[in-house]
């Protein structure tokens, strides 16, 4: 298998190379290894999938620092049915100190979370009361599209 280079990946994803390089240099998208100086970084397909999900989240309006936290781990599917990456924003209860009294009080904050679920579980997942906003990515379709665009990478 030929090495995947950023120029191949950005062309397949339809995004600019400089945009991806900025995400990496600013620490938003994390690569597992440091490149050798003067030599192009070789990507594996797993990192390419993570980048594709990251770019989709960023294009959907998720802040790049949040997208980076949501895509630090490998993407996977299931043997028995398609995998769906769901990023959602919901309300989380937190405890903060009241500025006036210094006493702890309950507060609510919106927070992005993610999970990879089976396609058959999607409707129930989205119906959850904690889900206010969601971005849904069909991982099997994304993987197949990328493999086609990158020339049948395994």
N, C-alpha and C. Protein backbone atom coordinates (compact mmCIF):
# COMPACT_ATOMS: atom_id res chain seq x y z
N UNK A 1 0.85 -1.19 0.00
CA UNK A 1 0.00 0.00 0.00
C UNK A 1 0.89 1.24 0.00
N UNK A 2 0.58 2.17 -0.87
CA UNK A 2 1.33 3.42 -0.93
C UNK A 2 1.00 4.27 0.29
N UNK A 3 2.00 5.03 0.73
CA UNK A 3 1.79 5.92 1.88
C UNK A 3 0.77 6.99 1.52
N UNK A 4 -0.06 7.32 2.49
CA UNK A 4 -0.99 8.42 2.31
C UNK A 4 -0.29 9.70 2.73
N UNK A 5 -0.30 10.68 1.86
CA UNK A 5 0.29 11.97 2.15
C UNK A 5 -0.82 13.01 2.25
N UNK A 6 -0.53 14.08 2.94
CA UNK A 6 -1.54 15.12 3.17
C UNK A 6 -2.11 15.66 1.86
N UNK A 7 -1.29 15.73 0.81
CA UNK A 7 -1.80 16.25 -0.46
C UNK A 7 -2.87 15.33 -1.05
N UNK A 8 -2.72 14.00 -0.86
CA UNK A 8 -3.72 13.06 -1.34
C UNK A 8 -5.00 13.15 -0.50
N UNK A 9 -4.81 13.25 0.78
CA UNK A 9 -5.94 13.26 1.71
C UNK A 9 -6.78 14.53 1.55
N UNK A 10 -6.12 15.68 1.49
CA UNK A 10 -6.87 16.93 1.35
C UNK A 10 -7.60 16.99 0.01
N UNK A 11 -6.99 16.45 -1.01
CA UNK A 11 -7.66 16.41 -2.32
C UNK A 11 -8.91 15.54 -2.23
N UNK A 12 -8.80 14.37 -1.59
CA UNK A 12 -9.94 13.47 -1.45
C UNK A 12 -11.05 14.08 -0.61
N UNK A 13 -10.67 14.82 0.43
CA UNK A 13 -11.66 15.44 1.31
C UNK A 13 -12.19 16.76 0.78
N UNK A 14 -11.52 17.32 -0.22
CA UNK A 14 -11.96 18.59 -0.77
C UNK A 14 -11.72 19.77 0.15
N UNK A 15 -10.64 19.70 0.92
CA UNK A 15 -10.28 20.81 1.81
C UNK A 15 -8.84 21.22 1.53
N UNK A 16 -8.50 22.44 1.92
CA UNK A 16 -7.16 22.94 1.61
C UNK A 16 -6.12 22.34 2.56
N UNK A 17 -4.95 22.13 2.00
CA UNK A 17 -3.83 21.61 2.78
C UNK A 17 -3.45 22.56 3.91
N UNK A 18 -3.47 23.86 3.62
CA UNK A 18 -3.08 24.84 4.65
C UNK A 18 -4.06 24.81 5.83
N UNK A 19 -5.32 24.56 5.55
CA UNK A 19 -6.32 24.47 6.63
C UNK A 19 -5.98 23.31 7.57
N UNK A 20 -5.65 22.16 7.00
CA UNK A 20 -5.29 20.98 7.80
C UNK A 20 -4.00 21.24 8.55
N UNK A 21 -3.02 21.82 7.90
CA UNK A 21 -1.74 22.10 8.56
C UNK A 21 -1.92 23.08 9.72
N UNK A 22 -2.83 24.04 9.58
CA UNK A 22 -3.12 24.95 10.69
C UNK A 22 -3.77 24.20 11.85
N UNK A 23 -4.71 23.31 11.56
CA UNK A 23 -5.33 22.53 12.62
C UNK A 23 -4.29 21.72 13.39
N UNK A 24 -3.33 21.14 12.66
CA UNK A 24 -2.29 20.33 13.29
C UNK A 24 -1.34 21.22 14.09
N UNK A 25 -0.86 22.31 13.47
CA UNK A 25 0.13 23.16 14.15
C UNK A 25 -0.44 23.86 15.37
N UNK A 26 -1.73 24.13 15.37
CA UNK A 26 -2.37 24.78 16.52
C UNK A 26 -2.84 23.78 17.58
N UNK A 27 -2.60 22.50 17.32
CA UNK A 27 -2.94 21.47 18.30
C UNK A 27 -4.40 21.05 18.32
N UNK A 28 -5.18 21.49 17.35
CA UNK A 28 -6.60 21.11 17.32
C UNK A 28 -6.77 19.67 16.85
N UNK A 29 -6.03 19.29 15.82
CA UNK A 29 -6.06 17.91 15.34
C UNK A 29 -4.73 17.28 15.70
N UNK A 30 -4.80 16.23 16.49
CA UNK A 30 -3.58 15.61 17.00
C UNK A 30 -3.19 14.39 16.18
N UNK A 31 -1.93 14.38 15.79
CA UNK A 31 -1.35 13.24 15.10
C UNK A 31 -0.64 12.36 16.14
N UNK A 32 -0.61 11.04 15.94
CA UNK A 32 -0.01 10.17 16.94
C UNK A 32 1.51 10.23 17.00
N UNK A 33 2.16 10.70 15.95
CA UNK A 33 3.62 10.75 15.98
C UNK A 33 4.12 12.08 15.42
N UNK A 34 5.35 12.38 15.70
CA UNK A 34 5.95 13.60 15.17
C UNK A 34 6.65 13.27 13.86
N UNK A 35 6.49 14.13 12.86
CA UNK A 35 7.12 13.84 11.57
C UNK A 35 8.64 14.01 11.65
N UNK A 36 9.31 13.37 10.74
CA UNK A 36 10.76 13.55 10.60
C UNK A 36 10.96 14.85 9.83
N UNK A 37 11.81 15.73 10.36
CA UNK A 37 12.03 17.03 9.73
C UNK A 37 12.54 16.83 8.30
N UNK A 38 11.91 17.54 7.37
CA UNK A 38 12.30 17.48 5.97
C UNK A 38 11.69 16.33 5.20
N UNK A 39 10.89 15.52 5.85
CA UNK A 39 10.26 14.38 5.20
C UNK A 39 8.74 14.49 5.38
N UNK A 40 7.96 14.26 4.32
CA UNK A 40 6.50 14.38 4.48
C UNK A 40 5.96 13.34 5.47
N UNK A 41 5.00 13.78 6.25
CA UNK A 41 4.36 12.89 7.22
C UNK A 41 3.52 11.86 6.47
N UNK A 42 3.67 10.60 6.83
CA UNK A 42 2.85 9.55 6.24
C UNK A 42 1.66 9.29 7.15
N UNK A 43 0.49 9.27 6.56
CA UNK A 43 -0.75 9.07 7.30
C UNK A 43 -1.22 7.64 7.13
N UNK A 44 -1.84 7.10 8.17
CA UNK A 44 -2.51 5.81 7.99
C UNK A 44 -4.01 6.09 7.78
N UNK A 45 -4.74 5.06 7.39
CA UNK A 45 -6.14 5.28 7.06
C UNK A 45 -6.95 5.69 8.28
N UNK A 46 -6.59 5.19 9.46
CA UNK A 46 -7.30 5.57 10.68
C UNK A 46 -7.22 7.07 10.96
N UNK A 47 -6.01 7.65 10.76
CA UNK A 47 -5.86 9.09 10.94
C UNK A 47 -6.62 9.86 9.87
N UNK A 48 -6.69 9.29 8.67
CA UNK A 48 -7.45 9.92 7.60
C UNK A 48 -8.94 9.96 7.95
N UNK A 49 -9.45 8.87 8.52
CA UNK A 49 -10.85 8.84 8.95
C UNK A 49 -11.10 9.87 10.06
N UNK A 50 -10.18 9.93 11.02
CA UNK A 50 -10.34 10.91 12.10
C UNK A 50 -10.36 12.33 11.54
N UNK A 51 -9.48 12.60 10.57
CA UNK A 51 -9.44 13.93 9.96
C UNK A 51 -10.74 14.22 9.21
N UNK A 52 -11.28 13.23 8.52
CA UNK A 52 -12.54 13.42 7.79
C UNK A 52 -13.68 13.75 8.75
N UNK A 53 -13.74 13.06 9.87
CA UNK A 53 -14.77 13.34 10.87
C UNK A 53 -14.54 14.72 11.48
N UNK A 54 -13.27 15.04 11.80
CA UNK A 54 -12.91 16.36 12.34
C UNK A 54 -13.38 17.46 11.38
N UNK A 55 -13.05 17.33 10.10
CA UNK A 55 -13.42 18.35 9.11
C UNK A 55 -14.94 18.48 8.99
N UNK A 56 -15.64 17.36 9.05
CA UNK A 56 -17.10 17.39 8.98
C UNK A 56 -17.68 18.15 10.17
N UNK A 57 -17.14 17.87 11.35
CA UNK A 57 -17.61 18.58 12.55
C UNK A 57 -17.33 20.08 12.45
N UNK A 58 -16.11 20.43 12.01
CA UNK A 58 -15.75 21.85 11.88
C UNK A 58 -16.66 22.54 10.86
N UNK A 59 -16.92 21.87 9.74
CA UNK A 59 -17.79 22.45 8.72
C UNK A 59 -19.24 22.56 9.20
N UNK A 60 -19.62 21.73 10.17
CA UNK A 60 -20.98 21.78 10.72
C UNK A 60 -21.11 22.83 11.82
N UNK A 61 -20.01 23.52 12.14
CA UNK A 61 -20.08 24.59 13.12
C UNK A 61 -19.56 24.25 14.50
N UNK A 62 -19.04 23.05 14.68
CA UNK A 62 -18.44 22.69 15.97
C UNK A 62 -17.07 23.38 16.04
N UNK A 63 -16.79 24.07 17.13
CA UNK A 63 -15.50 24.75 17.29
C UNK A 63 -14.36 23.73 17.13
N UNK A 64 -13.26 24.15 16.49
CA UNK A 64 -12.18 23.21 16.20
C UNK A 64 -11.55 22.62 17.45
N UNK A 65 -11.51 23.37 18.55
CA UNK A 65 -10.96 22.78 19.77
C UNK A 65 -11.88 21.66 20.28
N UNK A 66 -13.19 21.84 20.14
CA UNK A 66 -14.13 20.79 20.52
C UNK A 66 -14.05 19.60 19.56
N UNK A 67 -13.98 19.89 18.26
CA UNK A 67 -13.85 18.82 17.26
C UNK A 67 -12.61 17.99 17.53
N UNK A 68 -11.52 18.65 17.94
CA UNK A 68 -10.29 17.93 18.25
C UNK A 68 -10.46 16.99 19.42
N UNK A 69 -11.17 17.43 20.44
CA UNK A 69 -11.39 16.56 21.60
C UNK A 69 -12.29 15.37 21.24
N UNK A 70 -13.22 15.59 20.33
CA UNK A 70 -14.16 14.53 19.95
C UNK A 70 -13.54 13.48 19.02
N UNK A 71 -12.42 13.82 18.38
CA UNK A 71 -11.84 12.92 17.38
C UNK A 71 -10.44 12.44 17.75
N UNK A 72 -10.13 12.37 19.01
CA UNK A 72 -8.81 11.91 19.43
C UNK A 72 -8.66 10.40 19.30
N UNK A 73 -9.75 9.69 19.28
CA UNK A 73 -9.71 8.23 19.29
C UNK A 73 -10.13 7.68 17.94
N UNK A 74 -9.78 6.44 17.68
CA UNK A 74 -10.05 5.85 16.37
C UNK A 74 -11.55 5.72 16.11
N UNK A 75 -11.88 5.77 14.85
CA UNK A 75 -13.26 5.59 14.40
C UNK A 75 -13.44 4.11 14.10
N UNK A 76 -14.61 3.58 14.39
CA UNK A 76 -14.84 2.16 14.10
C UNK A 76 -16.29 1.96 13.69
N UNK A 77 -16.52 0.81 13.13
CA UNK A 77 -17.87 0.43 12.77
C UNK A 77 -18.19 -0.87 13.51
N UNK A 78 -19.21 -1.55 13.07
CA UNK A 78 -19.62 -2.80 13.68
C UNK A 78 -19.71 -3.86 12.59
N UNK A 79 -19.47 -5.11 12.93
CA UNK A 79 -19.53 -6.18 11.93
C UNK A 79 -20.95 -6.43 11.45
N UNK A 80 -21.93 -6.22 12.33
CA UNK A 80 -23.30 -6.59 11.99
C UNK A 80 -24.14 -5.46 11.41
N UNK A 81 -23.68 -4.20 11.54
CA UNK A 81 -24.41 -3.09 10.94
C UNK A 81 -23.54 -1.82 10.94
N UNK A 82 -23.95 -0.82 10.17
CA UNK A 82 -23.13 0.39 10.06
C UNK A 82 -22.93 1.12 11.39
N UNK A 83 -21.78 1.75 11.50
CA UNK A 83 -21.46 2.58 12.66
C UNK A 83 -21.77 4.03 12.37
N UNK A 84 -22.30 4.70 13.36
CA UNK A 84 -22.69 6.10 13.25
C UNK A 84 -21.96 6.88 14.33
N UNK A 85 -21.20 7.90 13.93
CA UNK A 85 -20.55 8.80 14.88
C UNK A 85 -21.55 9.91 15.17
N UNK A 86 -21.90 10.07 16.43
CA UNK A 86 -22.83 11.13 16.82
C UNK A 86 -22.11 12.06 17.79
N UNK A 87 -22.00 13.31 17.41
CA UNK A 87 -21.53 14.35 18.33
C UNK A 87 -22.77 15.13 18.71
N UNK A 88 -22.94 15.36 20.00
CA UNK A 88 -24.13 16.09 20.42
C UNK A 88 -23.78 17.09 21.50
N UNK A 89 -24.59 18.11 21.53
CA UNK A 89 -24.45 19.11 22.57
C UNK A 89 -25.67 19.01 23.45
N UNK A 90 -25.41 18.87 24.73
CA UNK A 90 -26.49 18.78 25.69
C UNK A 90 -26.10 19.52 26.95
N UNK A 91 -26.99 19.56 27.87
CA UNK A 91 -26.75 20.28 29.11
C UNK A 91 -26.15 19.35 30.15
N UNK A 92 -25.12 19.83 30.81
CA UNK A 92 -24.44 19.08 31.85
C UNK A 92 -24.53 19.89 33.14
N UNK A 93 -24.88 19.21 34.23
CA UNK A 93 -24.91 19.87 35.53
C UNK A 93 -23.49 19.95 36.08
N UNK A 94 -23.11 21.13 36.52
CA UNK A 94 -21.80 21.32 37.14
C UNK A 94 -21.97 22.09 38.45
N UNK A 95 -20.99 21.98 39.28
CA UNK A 95 -21.01 22.74 40.53
C UNK A 95 -19.96 23.83 40.44
N UNK A 96 -20.39 25.08 40.68
CA UNK A 96 -19.48 26.23 40.65
C UNK A 96 -19.66 27.02 41.94
N UNK A 97 -18.71 27.88 42.21
CA UNK A 97 -18.83 28.74 43.38
C UNK A 97 -19.53 30.03 42.99
N UNK A 98 -20.51 30.41 43.76
CA UNK A 98 -21.21 31.68 43.56
C UNK A 98 -20.22 32.81 43.81
N UNK A 99 -20.02 33.72 42.85
CA UNK A 99 -19.04 34.81 43.03
C UNK A 99 -19.35 35.71 44.23
N UNK A 100 -20.63 35.89 44.53
CA UNK A 100 -21.00 36.79 45.63
C UNK A 100 -20.78 36.15 46.99
N UNK A 101 -21.12 34.86 47.11
CA UNK A 101 -21.05 34.22 48.42
C UNK A 101 -19.88 33.25 48.57
N UNK A 102 -19.34 32.79 47.45
CA UNK A 102 -18.27 31.79 47.49
C UNK A 102 -18.78 30.40 47.77
N UNK A 103 -20.09 30.24 47.92
CA UNK A 103 -20.66 28.93 48.22
C UNK A 103 -20.93 28.17 46.90
N UNK A 104 -20.81 26.84 46.97
CA UNK A 104 -21.09 26.04 45.77
C UNK A 104 -22.56 26.10 45.39
N UNK A 105 -22.82 26.24 44.09
CA UNK A 105 -24.18 26.22 43.56
C UNK A 105 -24.19 25.35 42.30
N UNK A 106 -25.34 24.79 42.01
CA UNK A 106 -25.50 24.00 40.80
C UNK A 106 -25.70 24.93 39.61
N UNK A 107 -25.09 24.57 38.50
CA UNK A 107 -25.24 25.34 37.28
C UNK A 107 -25.35 24.36 36.11
N UNK A 108 -25.77 24.85 34.98
CA UNK A 108 -25.88 24.04 33.78
C UNK A 108 -25.00 24.66 32.70
N UNK A 109 -24.32 23.82 31.95
CA UNK A 109 -23.53 24.31 30.84
C UNK A 109 -23.71 23.39 29.65
N UNK A 110 -23.64 23.96 28.47
CA UNK A 110 -23.73 23.15 27.25
C UNK A 110 -22.35 22.53 27.00
N UNK A 111 -22.35 21.27 26.67
CA UNK A 111 -21.09 20.57 26.45
C UNK A 111 -21.24 19.61 25.28
N UNK A 112 -20.17 19.50 24.47
CA UNK A 112 -20.16 18.54 23.36
C UNK A 112 -19.67 17.20 23.85
N UNK A 113 -20.33 16.16 23.42
CA UNK A 113 -19.96 14.79 23.74
C UNK A 113 -20.08 13.98 22.45
N UNK A 114 -19.58 12.76 22.46
CA UNK A 114 -19.70 11.92 21.27
C UNK A 114 -19.81 10.45 21.64
N UNK A 115 -20.30 9.70 20.68
CA UNK A 115 -20.41 8.26 20.84
C UNK A 115 -20.53 7.65 19.46
N UNK A 116 -20.00 6.44 19.30
CA UNK A 116 -20.20 5.68 18.07
C UNK A 116 -21.26 4.62 18.40
N UNK A 117 -22.34 4.65 17.62
CA UNK A 117 -23.47 3.76 17.88
C UNK A 117 -23.83 2.98 16.62
N UNK A 118 -24.65 1.98 16.78
CA UNK A 118 -25.18 1.23 15.63
C UNK A 118 -26.27 2.08 14.96
N UNK A 119 -26.39 1.91 13.66
CA UNK A 119 -27.40 2.64 12.90
C UNK A 119 -28.80 2.41 13.48
N UNK A 120 -29.10 1.20 13.89
CA UNK A 120 -30.43 0.89 14.42
C UNK A 120 -30.74 1.62 15.72
N UNK A 121 -29.72 2.12 16.41
CA UNK A 121 -29.93 2.82 17.68
C UNK A 121 -30.05 4.34 17.51
N UNK A 122 -29.90 4.83 16.29
CA UNK A 122 -29.83 6.28 16.07
C UNK A 122 -31.10 7.01 16.51
N UNK A 123 -32.26 6.55 16.11
CA UNK A 123 -33.51 7.26 16.44
C UNK A 123 -33.69 7.38 17.96
N UNK A 124 -33.46 6.28 18.67
CA UNK A 124 -33.59 6.33 20.14
C UNK A 124 -32.55 7.24 20.76
N UNK A 125 -31.35 7.22 20.21
CA UNK A 125 -30.28 8.06 20.74
C UNK A 125 -30.62 9.54 20.61
N UNK A 126 -31.06 9.94 19.43
CA UNK A 126 -31.39 11.35 19.16
C UNK A 126 -32.60 11.79 19.97
N UNK A 127 -33.49 10.86 20.29
CA UNK A 127 -34.69 11.20 21.06
C UNK A 127 -34.40 11.44 22.54
N UNK A 128 -33.18 11.15 22.99
CA UNK A 128 -32.80 11.34 24.38
C UNK A 128 -32.97 12.80 24.78
N UNK A 129 -33.49 13.04 25.96
CA UNK A 129 -33.73 14.41 26.46
C UNK A 129 -32.45 15.22 26.59
N UNK A 130 -31.30 14.57 26.73
CA UNK A 130 -30.03 15.29 26.89
C UNK A 130 -29.50 15.84 25.58
N UNK A 131 -30.02 15.37 24.44
CA UNK A 131 -29.50 15.76 23.13
C UNK A 131 -30.27 16.98 22.63
N UNK A 132 -29.56 18.10 22.51
CA UNK A 132 -30.19 19.33 21.99
C UNK A 132 -29.81 19.56 20.53
N UNK A 133 -28.52 19.40 20.22
CA UNK A 133 -27.98 19.60 18.88
C UNK A 133 -27.14 18.38 18.58
N UNK A 134 -27.20 17.88 17.34
CA UNK A 134 -26.35 16.74 17.02
C UNK A 134 -25.81 16.84 15.61
N UNK A 135 -24.64 16.23 15.42
CA UNK A 135 -24.04 16.04 14.11
C UNK A 135 -23.88 14.54 13.96
N UNK A 136 -24.45 13.99 12.90
CA UNK A 136 -24.47 12.55 12.68
C UNK A 136 -23.64 12.23 11.44
N UNK A 137 -22.67 11.32 11.60
CA UNK A 137 -21.78 10.95 10.49
C UNK A 137 -21.83 9.44 10.31
N UNK A 138 -22.21 9.00 9.13
CA UNK A 138 -22.30 7.58 8.80
C UNK A 138 -20.88 7.11 8.48
N UNK A 139 -20.25 6.40 9.41
CA UNK A 139 -18.84 6.03 9.27
C UNK A 139 -18.59 5.05 8.13
N UNK A 140 -19.47 4.13 7.89
CA UNK A 140 -19.27 3.17 6.80
C UNK A 140 -19.30 3.87 5.45
N UNK A 141 -20.26 4.77 5.25
CA UNK A 141 -20.32 5.52 3.99
C UNK A 141 -19.07 6.38 3.81
N UNK A 142 -18.63 7.04 4.88
CA UNK A 142 -17.44 7.87 4.82
C UNK A 142 -16.22 7.02 4.48
N UNK A 143 -16.08 5.88 5.13
CA UNK A 143 -14.94 4.99 4.86
C UNK A 143 -14.93 4.53 3.41
N UNK A 144 -16.07 4.10 2.90
CA UNK A 144 -16.14 3.65 1.51
C UNK A 144 -15.82 4.76 0.53
N UNK A 145 -16.35 5.96 0.80
CA UNK A 145 -16.07 7.10 -0.09
C UNK A 145 -14.58 7.43 -0.09
N UNK A 146 -13.97 7.46 1.10
CA UNK A 146 -12.54 7.76 1.17
C UNK A 146 -11.70 6.71 0.48
N UNK A 147 -12.02 5.44 0.67
CA UNK A 147 -11.26 4.38 0.02
C UNK A 147 -11.36 4.49 -1.50
N UNK A 148 -12.54 4.81 -2.00
CA UNK A 148 -12.70 5.01 -3.45
C UNK A 148 -11.87 6.19 -3.93
N UNK A 149 -11.94 7.30 -3.22
CA UNK A 149 -11.22 8.50 -3.63
C UNK A 149 -9.70 8.35 -3.51
N UNK A 150 -9.27 7.54 -2.56
CA UNK A 150 -7.83 7.34 -2.33
C UNK A 150 -7.28 6.13 -3.07
N UNK A 151 -8.11 5.52 -3.92
CA UNK A 151 -7.63 4.42 -4.73
C UNK A 151 -7.61 3.07 -4.06
N UNK A 152 -8.62 2.76 -3.29
CA UNK A 152 -8.75 1.43 -2.70
C UNK A 152 -7.83 1.14 -1.55
N UNK A 153 -7.49 2.15 -0.77
CA UNK A 153 -6.63 1.96 0.41
C UNK A 153 -7.27 0.96 1.35
N UNK A 154 -6.46 0.14 2.00
CA UNK A 154 -6.99 -0.82 2.99
C UNK A 154 -6.81 -0.32 4.38
